[in-house]
Amino acid sequence: MDIVTLARFQFAMTTVFHFFFVPFSIGMGLVVAIMETLYVKTKNEKYRQLAKFWGNIFLLSFAVGVVTGIIQEFQFGMNWSDYSRFVGDIFGAPLAVEALLAFFMESTFLGLWIFTWDRVKPLTHVIFMWLVTIASILSAFWILTANSFMQHPVGYALRNGRAEMTDFSALLTNHQVWYEFSHVIAAAITMGGMIAAGLAAFQLIKRKDPLMRAFFKKSMRVGLVITLLGSLAVLTAGDLQMKALIEEQPMKFAAMEGTYEDTGDPAAWTLIAWANEKEHSQVFGIKVPYVLSILSYGKPSGSIKGMNTVNQELIEEHGFKNYYPPVNTLFWSFRIMAGFGMLMLFVAVAGLFLTRKKNPILYEKKWMLWILGLCTFAPFLANTAGWLVTELGRYPWTVYGLFTIKDSVSPNVSATSLLISNIVYFLLFSGLAITMIYLVKRELNKGPEIEGTIDPDQDSSIDPFDKGAFTNE
């Protein structure tokens, strides 16, 4: 394998593993903040127990996320030094703000939250958790500000072979930032809710103790409400981001739809397909009339340029190159992302209906609990597929239209060193994954520290967003 391929594999491996835990910690932090807010509002001890228990899961995701983030930064400097030189003047500002402000704020208030249970007033304590959540969202914003420059460069000038910042405000007002930010945060909210609901479902399968079952029923209900809200937000943000690609990255959009030739008007949507990437043609495809026009323009008319047309336009603009991305990977990654997103929306709606006060049958049906439990893994798959679409669809650019992947690799790195570091990182990530799974499983098996008594029949029917959650009892 050549140096570029090994460097790209290492970047993909470190980023995918890191991105498992970024939305995990953001979403779970929000879940904990909501649970503790319900405790402060209602003075109901059960919500405090929820916040403490799921807070332990959040802390595990936060710790692993920090470690994987450090590894990701290290491999940037090791393998992508020419890229770092090219964008360093622009990336320096948002990444510095992220580290010095957002991450510092997040870590400080997380420490206060951990060590001040029963030492400060409940209102003060929940404010600590909300500040942690806000800081983690701000951290994501600054990272995505840098990434958005790679997707849609703004506020720069090319001098001496480097992109130098000329307008910091342009980075912040880059519309690509807000498409990415809203999509990522909505996905993180969905992930936090889905993990809480899914893990609670696994516990209900094996738990027989009424107090424990009541606790995890309530966890599931809160998680499903948050999943529903997050899924609806993802649907909206993803639709806006997809439509923006039609003009800004038409090759990525066409590859996501597996479209080599111009569609004509109206445009049919390809449900399933397979492409011959060497011949730049579609081997087979099942198409649904009008749907692509509706998805793209909100009306049953309008055409989409195919990859062959876009490639010719890019050749005329930038010179003779192959601008085709890995089409099959993008086509199926987009459908995996969208499919699991719709699945989580459906599961949230069905789960809330099947756990309603009048007839909460979900709690007693093991096959239903298994389906909900397995959906714990859905946000990990959806987020990974979405990341692949975002990054691979930009091929062959690291900074779209300005700097290529081939030009970005460190000139003094060797294939041997890359191969060794890939093996080391893989073993390290495998160890971290095994440790994370073991610790989460141990925490779930240990269960919450339930204080006092709970009426399991009454508790199983309480919805955290019923009026009782917002009135003093």
Protein backbone atom coordinates (compact mmCIF):
# COMPACT_ATOMS: atom_id res chain seq x y z
CA MET A 1 0.00 0.00 0.00
CA ASP A 2 1.23 3.51 -0.81
CA ILE A 3 1.74 6.36 1.66
CA VAL A 4 -1.41 8.26 0.69
CA THR A 5 -3.62 5.19 1.14
CA LEU A 6 -2.09 4.34 4.53
CA ALA A 7 -2.40 7.94 5.72
CA ARG A 8 -6.03 8.09 4.61
CA PHE A 9 -6.79 4.80 6.34
CA GLN A 10 -5.25 6.08 9.56
CA PHE A 11 -7.21 9.31 9.38
CA ALA A 12 -10.42 7.38 8.78
CA MET A 13 -9.76 4.94 11.60
CA THR A 14 -8.90 7.59 14.19
CA THR A 15 -11.72 9.91 13.16
CA VAL A 16 -14.43 7.25 13.02
CA PHE A 17 -13.49 5.92 16.45
CA HIS A 18 -13.29 9.43 17.91
CA PHE A 19 -16.65 10.29 16.36
CA PHE A 20 -18.24 7.35 18.16
CA PHE A 21 -17.82 9.27 21.41
CA VAL A 22 -18.22 12.95 20.49
CA PRO A 23 -21.99 12.78 19.80
CA PHE A 24 -22.27 10.11 22.53
CA SER A 25 -20.98 12.49 25.20
CA ILE A 26 -22.87 15.54 23.83
CA GLY A 27 -26.16 13.64 23.66
CA MET A 28 -25.77 11.81 26.96
CA GLY A 29 -24.76 15.06 28.67
CA LEU A 30 -28.03 16.61 27.48
CA VAL A 31 -29.99 13.56 28.69
CA VAL A 32 -28.44 13.88 32.15
CA ALA A 33 -29.07 17.64 32.23
CA ILE A 34 -32.74 17.11 31.39
CA MET A 35 -33.12 14.39 34.02
CA GLU A 36 -31.56 16.54 36.71
CA THR A 37 -33.66 19.53 35.64
CA LEU A 38 -36.78 17.42 36.14
CA TYR A 39 -35.52 16.61 39.64
CA VAL A 40 -34.98 20.28 40.47
CA LYS A 41 -38.43 21.16 39.12
CA THR A 42 -40.43 18.35 40.69
CA LYS A 43 -38.32 17.53 43.78
CA ASN A 44 -38.95 13.92 42.75
CA GLU A 45 -36.01 11.82 43.98
CA LYS A 46 -36.42 9.37 41.10
CA TYR A 47 -35.13 11.92 38.60
CA ARG A 48 -32.06 12.52 40.74
CA GLN A 49 -31.34 8.81 40.67
CA LEU A 50 -31.71 8.84 36.89
CA ALA A 51 -29.26 11.73 36.55
CA LYS A 52 -26.64 10.11 38.79
CA PHE A 53 -26.81 6.72 37.08
CA TRP A 54 -26.75 7.94 33.47
CA GLY A 55 -24.17 10.53 34.49
CA ASN A 56 -21.75 7.64 35.08
CA ILE A 57 -22.31 6.41 31.51
CA PHE A 58 -21.73 9.96 30.27
CA LEU A 59 -18.42 10.21 32.17
CA LEU A 60 -17.14 7.03 30.53
CA SER A 61 -17.94 8.36 27.04
CA PHE A 62 -16.32 11.70 27.87
CA ALA A 63 -13.10 10.08 29.09
CA VAL A 64 -12.68 7.87 26.01
CA GLY A 65 -13.58 10.80 23.73
CA VAL A 66 -10.74 12.89 25.20
CA VAL A 67 -8.19 10.10 24.69
CA THR A 68 -9.24 9.43 21.08
CA GLY A 69 -9.22 13.17 20.33
CA ILE A 70 -5.60 13.45 21.44
CA ILE A 71 -4.65 10.55 19.17
CA GLN A 72 -6.45 12.17 16.26
CA GLU A 73 -4.57 15.44 16.73
CA PHE A 74 -1.27 13.56 16.93
CA GLN A 75 -1.80 11.78 13.61
CA PHE A 76 -2.63 15.12 11.95
CA GLY A 77 0.83 16.41 12.73
CA MET A 78 2.51 13.14 11.88
CA ASN A 79 0.86 12.33 8.55
CA TRP A 80 -0.61 15.59 7.21
CA SER A 81 2.06 18.24 7.77
CA ASP A 82 1.71 19.82 4.30
CA TYR A 83 -2.03 20.11 4.86
CA SER A 84 -1.39 21.66 8.28
CA ARG A 85 0.92 24.24 6.70
CA PHE A 86 -1.66 25.10 4.07
CA VAL A 87 -4.62 25.65 6.46
CA GLY A 88 -2.78 26.39 9.71
CA ASP A 89 -3.41 30.13 9.61
CA ILE A 90 -7.15 29.52 9.30
CA PHE A 91 -7.53 26.45 11.53
CA GLY A 92 -5.44 27.96 14.31
CA ALA A 93 -8.08 30.44 15.52
CA PRO A 94 -11.16 28.19 15.85
CA LEU A 95 -9.18 25.25 17.23
CA ALA A 96 -7.48 27.51 19.79
CA VAL A 97 -10.86 28.86 20.93
CA GLU A 98 -12.16 25.29 21.16
CA ALA A 99 -9.28 24.15 23.36
CA LEU A 100 -8.81 27.26 25.50
CA LEU A 101 -12.46 28.22 25.99
CA ALA A 102 -14.96 25.46 25.20
CA PHE A 103 -12.99 22.42 26.38
CA PHE A 104 -11.60 24.27 29.41
CA MET A 105 -15.13 25.32 30.37
CA GLU A 106 -16.46 21.81 29.79
CA SER A 107 -13.77 20.16 31.93
CA THR A 108 -14.02 22.71 34.75
CA PHE A 109 -17.76 22.47 35.22
CA LEU A 110 -17.73 18.72 34.75
CA GLY A 111 -15.36 18.48 37.71
CA LEU A 112 -17.66 20.70 39.75
CA TRP A 113 -20.63 18.57 38.80
CA ILE A 114 -18.89 15.34 39.79
CA PHE A 115 -17.67 16.46 43.20
CA THR A 116 -20.48 18.69 44.46
CA TRP A 117 -23.41 16.31 44.83
CA ASP A 118 -25.06 17.26 48.17
CA ARG A 119 -22.53 20.08 48.62
CA VAL A 120 -24.38 22.79 46.73
CA LYS A 121 -28.04 23.56 46.14
CA PRO A 122 -29.78 21.38 43.51
CA LEU A 123 -30.33 24.39 41.25
CA THR A 124 -26.63 25.29 41.35
CA HIS A 125 -25.67 21.68 40.69
CA VAL A 126 -27.88 21.32 37.62
CA ILE A 127 -26.49 24.59 36.26
CA PHE A 128 -23.06 22.95 36.31
CA MET A 129 -24.40 20.15 34.09
CA TRP A 130 -26.05 22.56 31.69
CA LEU A 131 -22.79 24.51 31.40
CA VAL A 132 -20.99 21.25 30.60
CA THR A 133 -23.57 20.52 27.89
CA ILE A 134 -23.37 24.03 26.44
CA ALA A 135 -19.56 23.89 26.45
CA SER A 136 -19.55 20.54 24.62
CA ILE A 137 -21.89 21.99 21.99
CA LEU A 138 -19.63 25.05 21.65
CA SER A 139 -16.65 22.73 21.29
CA ALA A 140 -18.40 20.99 18.41
CA PHE A 141 -19.20 24.36 16.86
CA TRP A 142 -15.54 25.43 16.69
CA ILE A 143 -14.42 22.07 15.30
CA LEU A 144 -17.14 22.24 12.66
CA THR A 145 -16.14 25.81 11.82
CA ALA A 146 -12.75 24.43 10.79
CA ASN A 147 -14.28 21.47 8.96
CA SER A 148 -16.73 23.72 7.11
CA PHE A 149 -13.83 25.66 5.63
CA MET A 150 -12.69 22.38 4.09
CA GLN A 151 -16.15 21.94 2.56
CA HIS A 152 -16.75 25.56 1.50
CA PRO A 153 -13.67 27.83 1.80
CA VAL A 154 -14.42 31.44 2.77
CA GLY A 155 -12.60 34.39 4.33
CA TYR A 156 -9.13 33.58 2.95
CA ALA A 157 -6.46 34.67 0.51
CA LEU A 158 -3.82 32.49 -1.13
CA ARG A 159 -0.34 33.82 -0.34
CA ASN A 160 2.98 32.00 -0.70
CA GLY A 161 1.25 28.67 -1.28
CA ARG A 162 -0.85 28.95 1.89
CA ALA A 163 -4.43 29.89 2.71
CA GLU A 164 -4.28 32.91 5.02
CA MET A 165 -7.27 34.22 6.94
CA THR A 166 -8.58 37.60 5.84
CA ASP A 167 -11.97 37.62 7.55
CA PHE A 168 -12.61 35.65 10.75
CA SER A 169 -16.29 36.62 10.75
CA ALA A 170 -16.66 34.95 7.34
CA LEU A 171 -15.73 31.63 8.94
CA LEU A 172 -18.48 32.05 11.52
CA THR A 173 -21.11 33.13 9.00
CA ASN A 174 -20.21 30.42 6.51
CA HIS A 175 -23.60 28.82 5.88
CA GLN A 176 -21.92 25.42 5.70
CA VAL A 177 -21.07 25.77 9.41
CA TRP A 178 -24.71 26.07 10.34
CA TYR A 179 -25.79 23.17 8.14
CA GLU A 180 -23.14 20.93 9.67
CA PHE A 181 -23.60 22.21 13.22
CA SER A 182 -27.37 21.75 13.28
CA HIS A 183 -27.08 18.30 11.70
CA VAL A 184 -24.36 17.08 14.08
CA ILE A 185 -25.99 18.42 17.25
CA ALA A 186 -29.39 17.02 16.28
CA ALA A 187 -27.74 13.65 15.64
CA ALA A 188 -26.01 13.85 19.03
CA ILE A 189 -29.34 14.55 20.78
CA THR A 190 -30.85 11.55 18.99
CA MET A 191 -27.89 9.40 19.98
CA GLY A 192 -28.11 10.31 23.67
CA GLY A 193 -31.81 9.51 23.82
CA MET A 194 -31.46 6.29 21.81
CA ILE A 195 -28.62 4.98 23.96
CA ALA A 196 -30.57 5.65 27.17
CA ALA A 197 -33.71 3.98 25.79
CA GLY A 198 -31.85 1.06 24.21
CA LEU A 199 -29.71 0.22 27.23
CA ALA A 200 -32.78 0.49 29.44
CA ALA A 201 -34.55 -2.01 27.16
CA PHE A 202 -31.71 -4.52 27.59
CA GLN A 203 -32.00 -4.14 31.36
CA LEU A 204 -35.77 -4.70 31.30
CA ILE A 205 -35.23 -7.98 29.46
CA LYS A 206 -33.29 -9.46 32.37
CA ARG A 207 -34.36 -7.42 35.43
CA LYS A 208 -37.08 -8.89 37.67
CA ASP A 209 -36.80 -6.60 40.68
CA PRO A 210 -39.79 -4.18 40.65
CA LEU A 211 -37.72 -1.19 41.81
CA MET A 212 -35.09 -1.75 39.13
CA ARG A 213 -37.73 -2.27 36.46
CA ALA A 214 -39.47 0.94 37.47
CA PHE A 215 -36.16 2.80 37.22
CA PHE A 216 -35.37 1.54 33.71
CA LYS A 217 -38.95 2.05 32.52
CA LYS A 218 -38.61 5.70 33.41
CA SER A 219 -35.17 5.84 31.73
CA MET A 220 -36.63 4.37 28.57
CA ARG A 221 -39.49 6.83 28.51
CA VAL A 222 -37.21 9.86 28.90
CA GLY A 223 -34.83 8.46 26.27
CA LEU A 224 -37.62 7.90 23.74
CA VAL A 225 -38.95 11.46 24.12
CA ILE A 226 -35.45 12.87 23.52
CA THR A 227 -34.91 10.50 20.57
CA LEU A 228 -38.15 11.69 18.97
CA LEU A 229 -37.22 15.36 19.28
CA GLY A 230 -33.67 14.72 18.03
CA SER A 231 -34.84 12.61 15.08
CA LEU A 232 -37.22 15.32 13.88
CA ALA A 233 -34.41 17.88 14.11
CA VAL A 234 -32.03 15.57 12.19
CA LEU A 235 -34.59 15.17 9.43
CA THR A 236 -34.91 18.94 9.02
CA ALA A 237 -31.18 19.73 9.26
CA GLY A 238 -30.18 16.88 6.95
CA ASP A 239 -32.66 17.98 4.30
CA LEU A 240 -31.26 21.53 4.31
CA GLN A 241 -27.65 20.31 4.16
CA MET A 242 -28.41 17.92 1.30
CA LYS A 243 -30.07 20.65 -0.79
CA ALA A 244 -27.07 22.95 -0.29
CA LEU A 245 -24.82 20.35 -1.94
CA ILE A 246 -26.61 20.67 -5.27
CA GLU A 247 -24.83 23.96 -6.00
CA GLU A 248 -21.74 23.76 -3.78
CA GLN A 249 -20.60 20.14 -4.20
CA PRO A 250 -22.59 18.73 -7.12
CA MET A 251 -20.23 15.76 -7.52
CA LYS A 252 -20.89 14.64 -3.95
CA PHE A 253 -24.63 15.03 -4.43
CA ALA A 254 -24.66 13.09 -7.70
CA ALA A 255 -22.55 10.32 -6.16
CA MET A 256 -24.91 10.05 -3.19
CA GLU A 257 -27.68 9.42 -5.71
CA GLY A 258 -25.59 7.17 -7.96
CA THR A 259 -26.30 9.44 -10.95
CA TYR A 260 -23.67 9.41 -13.72
CA GLU A 261 -25.81 10.97 -16.44
CA ASP A 262 -27.97 14.07 -16.22
CA THR A 263 -31.38 13.07 -14.90
CA GLY A 264 -33.71 15.08 -17.05
CA ASP A 265 -36.81 16.80 -15.70
CA PRO A 266 -38.44 15.49 -13.53
CA ALA A 267 -35.68 13.54 -11.77
CA ALA A 268 -36.23 9.98 -10.59
CA TRP A 269 -34.75 8.86 -7.27
CA THR A 270 -32.62 5.71 -7.25
CA LEU A 271 -33.76 3.40 -4.45
CA ILE A 272 -31.01 0.79 -4.83
CA ALA A 273 -28.17 0.59 -7.37
CA TRP A 274 -24.64 -0.55 -8.06
CA ALA A 275 -22.05 1.34 -10.11
CA ASN A 276 -19.15 0.26 -12.29
CA GLU A 277 -16.70 2.85 -10.99
CA LYS A 278 -14.05 2.11 -13.59
CA GLU A 279 -16.42 2.61 -16.50
CA HIS A 280 -18.28 5.48 -14.78
CA SER A 281 -21.65 3.89 -15.38
CA GLN A 282 -24.47 2.39 -13.40
CA VAL A 283 -24.76 -1.41 -13.61
CA PHE A 284 -28.35 -1.53 -12.37
CA GLY A 285 -30.76 0.63 -10.43
CA ILE A 286 -34.35 0.75 -9.26
CA LYS A 287 -35.77 4.23 -9.73
CA VAL A 288 -38.82 5.98 -8.32
CA PRO A 289 -40.20 8.73 -10.62
CA TYR A 290 -40.36 12.36 -9.43
CA VAL A 291 -38.93 11.66 -5.97
CA LEU A 292 -35.44 13.11 -6.51
CA SER A 293 -36.92 16.37 -7.80
CA ILE A 294 -39.17 16.56 -4.75
CA LEU A 295 -36.29 15.83 -2.37
CA SER A 296 -33.99 18.31 -4.11
CA TYR A 297 -36.31 21.21 -4.86
CA GLY A 298 -39.49 20.55 -2.91
CA LYS A 299 -41.53 20.21 -6.10
CA PRO A 300 -42.12 17.46 -8.72
CA SER A 301 -39.87 19.12 -11.30
CA GLY A 302 -36.21 19.99 -11.71
CA SER A 303 -33.15 18.12 -13.00
CA ILE A 304 -29.84 17.09 -11.45
CA LYS A 305 -26.46 17.12 -13.16
CA GLY A 306 -24.78 13.73 -13.35
CA MET A 307 -21.21 12.94 -12.30
CA ASN A 308 -19.94 12.80 -15.89
CA THR A 309 -21.11 16.36 -16.53
CA VAL A 310 -19.73 17.61 -13.22
CA ASN A 311 -16.39 15.89 -13.80
CA GLN A 312 -16.01 17.66 -17.15
CA GLU A 313 -16.79 21.00 -15.51
CA LEU A 314 -14.16 20.38 -12.82
CA ILE A 315 -11.59 19.44 -15.44
CA GLU A 316 -12.21 22.71 -17.25
CA GLU A 317 -11.90 24.65 -13.99
CA HIS A 318 -8.99 22.88 -12.28
CA GLY A 319 -7.22 20.82 -14.94
CA PHE A 320 -7.25 17.21 -16.06
CA LYS A 321 -7.91 14.89 -13.14
CA ASN A 322 -10.30 12.17 -12.08
CA TYR A 323 -12.78 13.89 -9.76
CA TYR A 324 -15.02 10.87 -9.25
CA PRO A 325 -15.38 9.89 -5.56
CA PRO A 326 -15.97 6.28 -4.40
CA VAL A 327 -19.53 6.15 -5.71
CA ASN A 328 -20.78 2.86 -4.25
CA THR A 329 -19.50 3.77 -0.80
CA LEU A 330 -21.19 7.17 -0.92
CA PHE A 331 -24.43 5.82 -2.38
CA TRP A 332 -24.88 3.15 0.28
CA SER A 333 -23.47 5.22 3.15
CA PHE A 334 -26.08 7.88 2.48
CA ARG A 335 -28.86 5.29 2.52
CA ILE A 336 -27.52 3.67 5.68
CA MET A 337 -27.44 7.07 7.38
CA ALA A 338 -30.93 8.04 6.22
CA GLY A 339 -32.35 4.56 6.81
CA PHE A 340 -31.16 4.31 10.41
CA GLY A 341 -32.30 7.90 11.00
CA MET A 342 -35.81 7.03 9.89
CA LEU A 343 -35.67 3.81 11.91
CA MET A 344 -34.90 5.73 15.11
CA LEU A 345 -37.74 8.15 14.41
CA PHE A 346 -40.13 5.23 13.92
CA VAL A 347 -38.88 3.41 17.02
CA ALA A 348 -39.28 6.56 19.13
CA VAL A 349 -42.88 7.09 17.97
CA ALA A 350 -43.79 3.41 18.34
CA GLY A 351 -42.00 3.13 21.68
CA LEU A 352 -43.81 6.11 23.16
CA PHE A 353 -47.15 4.77 21.92
CA LEU A 354 -46.48 1.29 23.31
CA THR A 355 -45.41 2.63 26.72
CA ARG A 356 -48.35 5.03 27.14
CA LYS A 357 -50.16 5.03 30.47
CA LYS A 358 -53.28 3.20 29.24
CA ASN A 359 -51.57 0.16 27.75
CA PRO A 360 -47.76 -0.03 28.29
CA ILE A 361 -47.28 -3.40 26.59
CA LEU A 362 -43.72 -2.78 25.42
CA TYR A 363 -42.30 -3.37 28.89
CA GLU A 364 -43.53 -6.98 28.93
CA LYS A 365 -42.81 -8.03 25.34
CA LYS A 366 -39.27 -9.35 25.15
CA TRP A 367 -39.13 -9.35 21.35
CA MET A 368 -40.05 -5.66 21.33
CA LEU A 369 -37.45 -4.93 23.99
CA TRP A 370 -34.85 -6.74 21.90
CA ILE A 371 -35.65 -4.58 18.87
CA LEU A 372 -35.37 -1.41 20.95
CA GLY A 373 -32.18 -2.67 22.61
CA LEU A 374 -30.50 -3.42 19.29
CA CYS A 375 -31.35 0.12 18.17
CA THR A 376 -28.70 1.25 20.67
CA PHE A 377 -26.21 0.65 17.87
CA ALA A 378 -28.23 2.52 15.21
CA PRO A 379 -26.87 6.03 15.95
CA PHE A 380 -23.27 4.76 15.82
CA LEU A 381 -23.89 3.30 12.36
CA ALA A 382 -25.81 6.36 11.16
CA ASN A 383 -23.18 8.83 12.38
CA THR A 384 -20.32 6.83 10.87
CA ALA A 385 -22.09 6.57 7.52
CA GLY A 386 -22.80 10.30 7.59
CA TRP A 387 -19.16 11.09 8.28
CA LEU A 388 -18.11 8.93 5.32
CA VAL A 389 -20.48 10.85 3.06
CA THR A 390 -19.15 14.20 4.29
CA GLU A 391 -15.45 13.39 3.93
CA LEU A 392 -15.23 10.90 1.06
CA GLY A 393 -17.61 12.94 -1.06
CA ARG A 394 -15.04 15.73 -1.17
CA TYR A 395 -12.49 13.55 -3.00
CA PRO A 396 -9.90 14.39 -4.30
CA TRP A 397 -9.83 17.55 -2.15
CA THR A 398 -8.92 18.13 1.47
CA VAL A 399 -9.97 21.77 1.03
CA TYR A 400 -12.60 21.80 -1.68
CA GLY A 401 -11.31 23.36 -4.88
CA LEU A 402 -8.00 24.46 -3.31
CA PHE A 403 -5.87 21.62 -1.97
CA THR A 404 -5.81 17.93 -2.82
CA ILE A 405 -5.32 14.85 -0.65
CA LYS A 406 -2.14 13.94 -2.51
CA ASP A 407 -0.62 17.34 -1.76
CA SER A 408 -1.58 17.14 1.92
CA VAL A 409 0.48 14.14 3.07
CA SER A 410 3.68 14.65 5.05
CA PRO A 411 6.67 14.45 2.67
CA ASN A 412 8.99 12.71 5.14
CA VAL A 413 6.69 9.96 6.38
CA SER A 414 7.40 6.41 5.21
CA ALA A 415 5.08 3.54 4.39
CA THR A 416 6.75 1.46 7.10
CA SER A 417 6.15 4.04 9.83
CA LEU A 418 2.56 4.46 8.71
CA LEU A 419 1.96 0.72 8.71
CA ILE A 420 3.41 0.37 12.22
CA SER A 421 1.43 3.31 13.58
CA ASN A 422 -1.74 1.96 11.98
CA ILE A 423 -1.25 -1.34 13.79
CA VAL A 424 -0.49 0.42 17.09
CA TYR A 425 -3.55 2.66 16.80
CA PHE A 426 -5.77 -0.26 15.86
CA LEU A 427 -4.64 -2.24 18.91
CA LEU A 428 -5.02 0.83 21.12
CA PHE A 429 -8.53 1.54 19.84
CA SER A 430 -9.50 -2.11 20.22
CA GLY A 431 -8.31 -2.01 23.83
CA LEU A 432 -10.21 1.21 24.50
CA ALA A 433 -13.36 -0.23 22.92
CA ILE A 434 -13.19 -3.41 24.98
CA THR A 435 -12.55 -1.41 28.15
CA MET A 436 -15.43 0.97 27.38
CA ILE A 437 -17.88 -1.87 26.72
CA TYR A 438 -16.76 -3.67 29.89
CA LEU A 439 -17.15 -0.59 32.08
CA VAL A 440 -20.55 0.33 30.66
CA LYS A 441 -21.75 -3.25 31.07
CA ARG A 442 -20.45 -3.31 34.65
CA GLU A 443 -22.22 -0.04 35.42
CA LEU A 444 -25.47 -1.40 33.98
CA ASN A 445 -25.17 -4.66 35.89
CA LYS A 446 -24.50 -2.77 39.12
CA GLY A 447 -27.57 -0.67 38.51
CA PRO A 448 -28.61 2.59 40.14
CA GLU A 449 -28.41 3.41 43.82
CA ILE A 450 -32.12 3.50 44.53
CA GLU A 451 -32.96 5.36 47.72
CA GLY A 452 -36.34 5.19 49.41
CA THR A 453 -39.31 3.34 47.95
CA ILE A 454 -40.99 3.44 44.57
CA ASP A 455 -44.46 2.29 43.65
CA PRO A 456 -43.54 0.29 40.52
CA ASP A 457 -47.06 0.30 39.10
CA GLN A 458 -47.40 4.05 39.42
CA ASP A 459 -43.86 4.72 38.27
CA SER A 460 -44.17 2.66 35.12
CA SER A 461 -46.86 4.96 33.80
CA ILE A 462 -45.27 8.32 34.53
CA ASP A 463 -44.23 10.26 31.48
CA PRO A 464 -41.57 12.89 32.29
CA PHE A 465 -43.39 15.35 30.08
CA ASP A 466 -46.80 14.85 31.68
CA LYS A 467 -48.04 17.81 33.71
CA GLY A 468 -46.79 16.18 36.93
CA ALA A 469 -43.23 16.76 35.81
CA PHE A 470 -43.72 20.50 35.70
CA THR A 471 -45.80 21.09 38.83
CA ASN A 472 -44.82 20.82 42.44
CA GLU A 473 -46.33 17.69 43.91
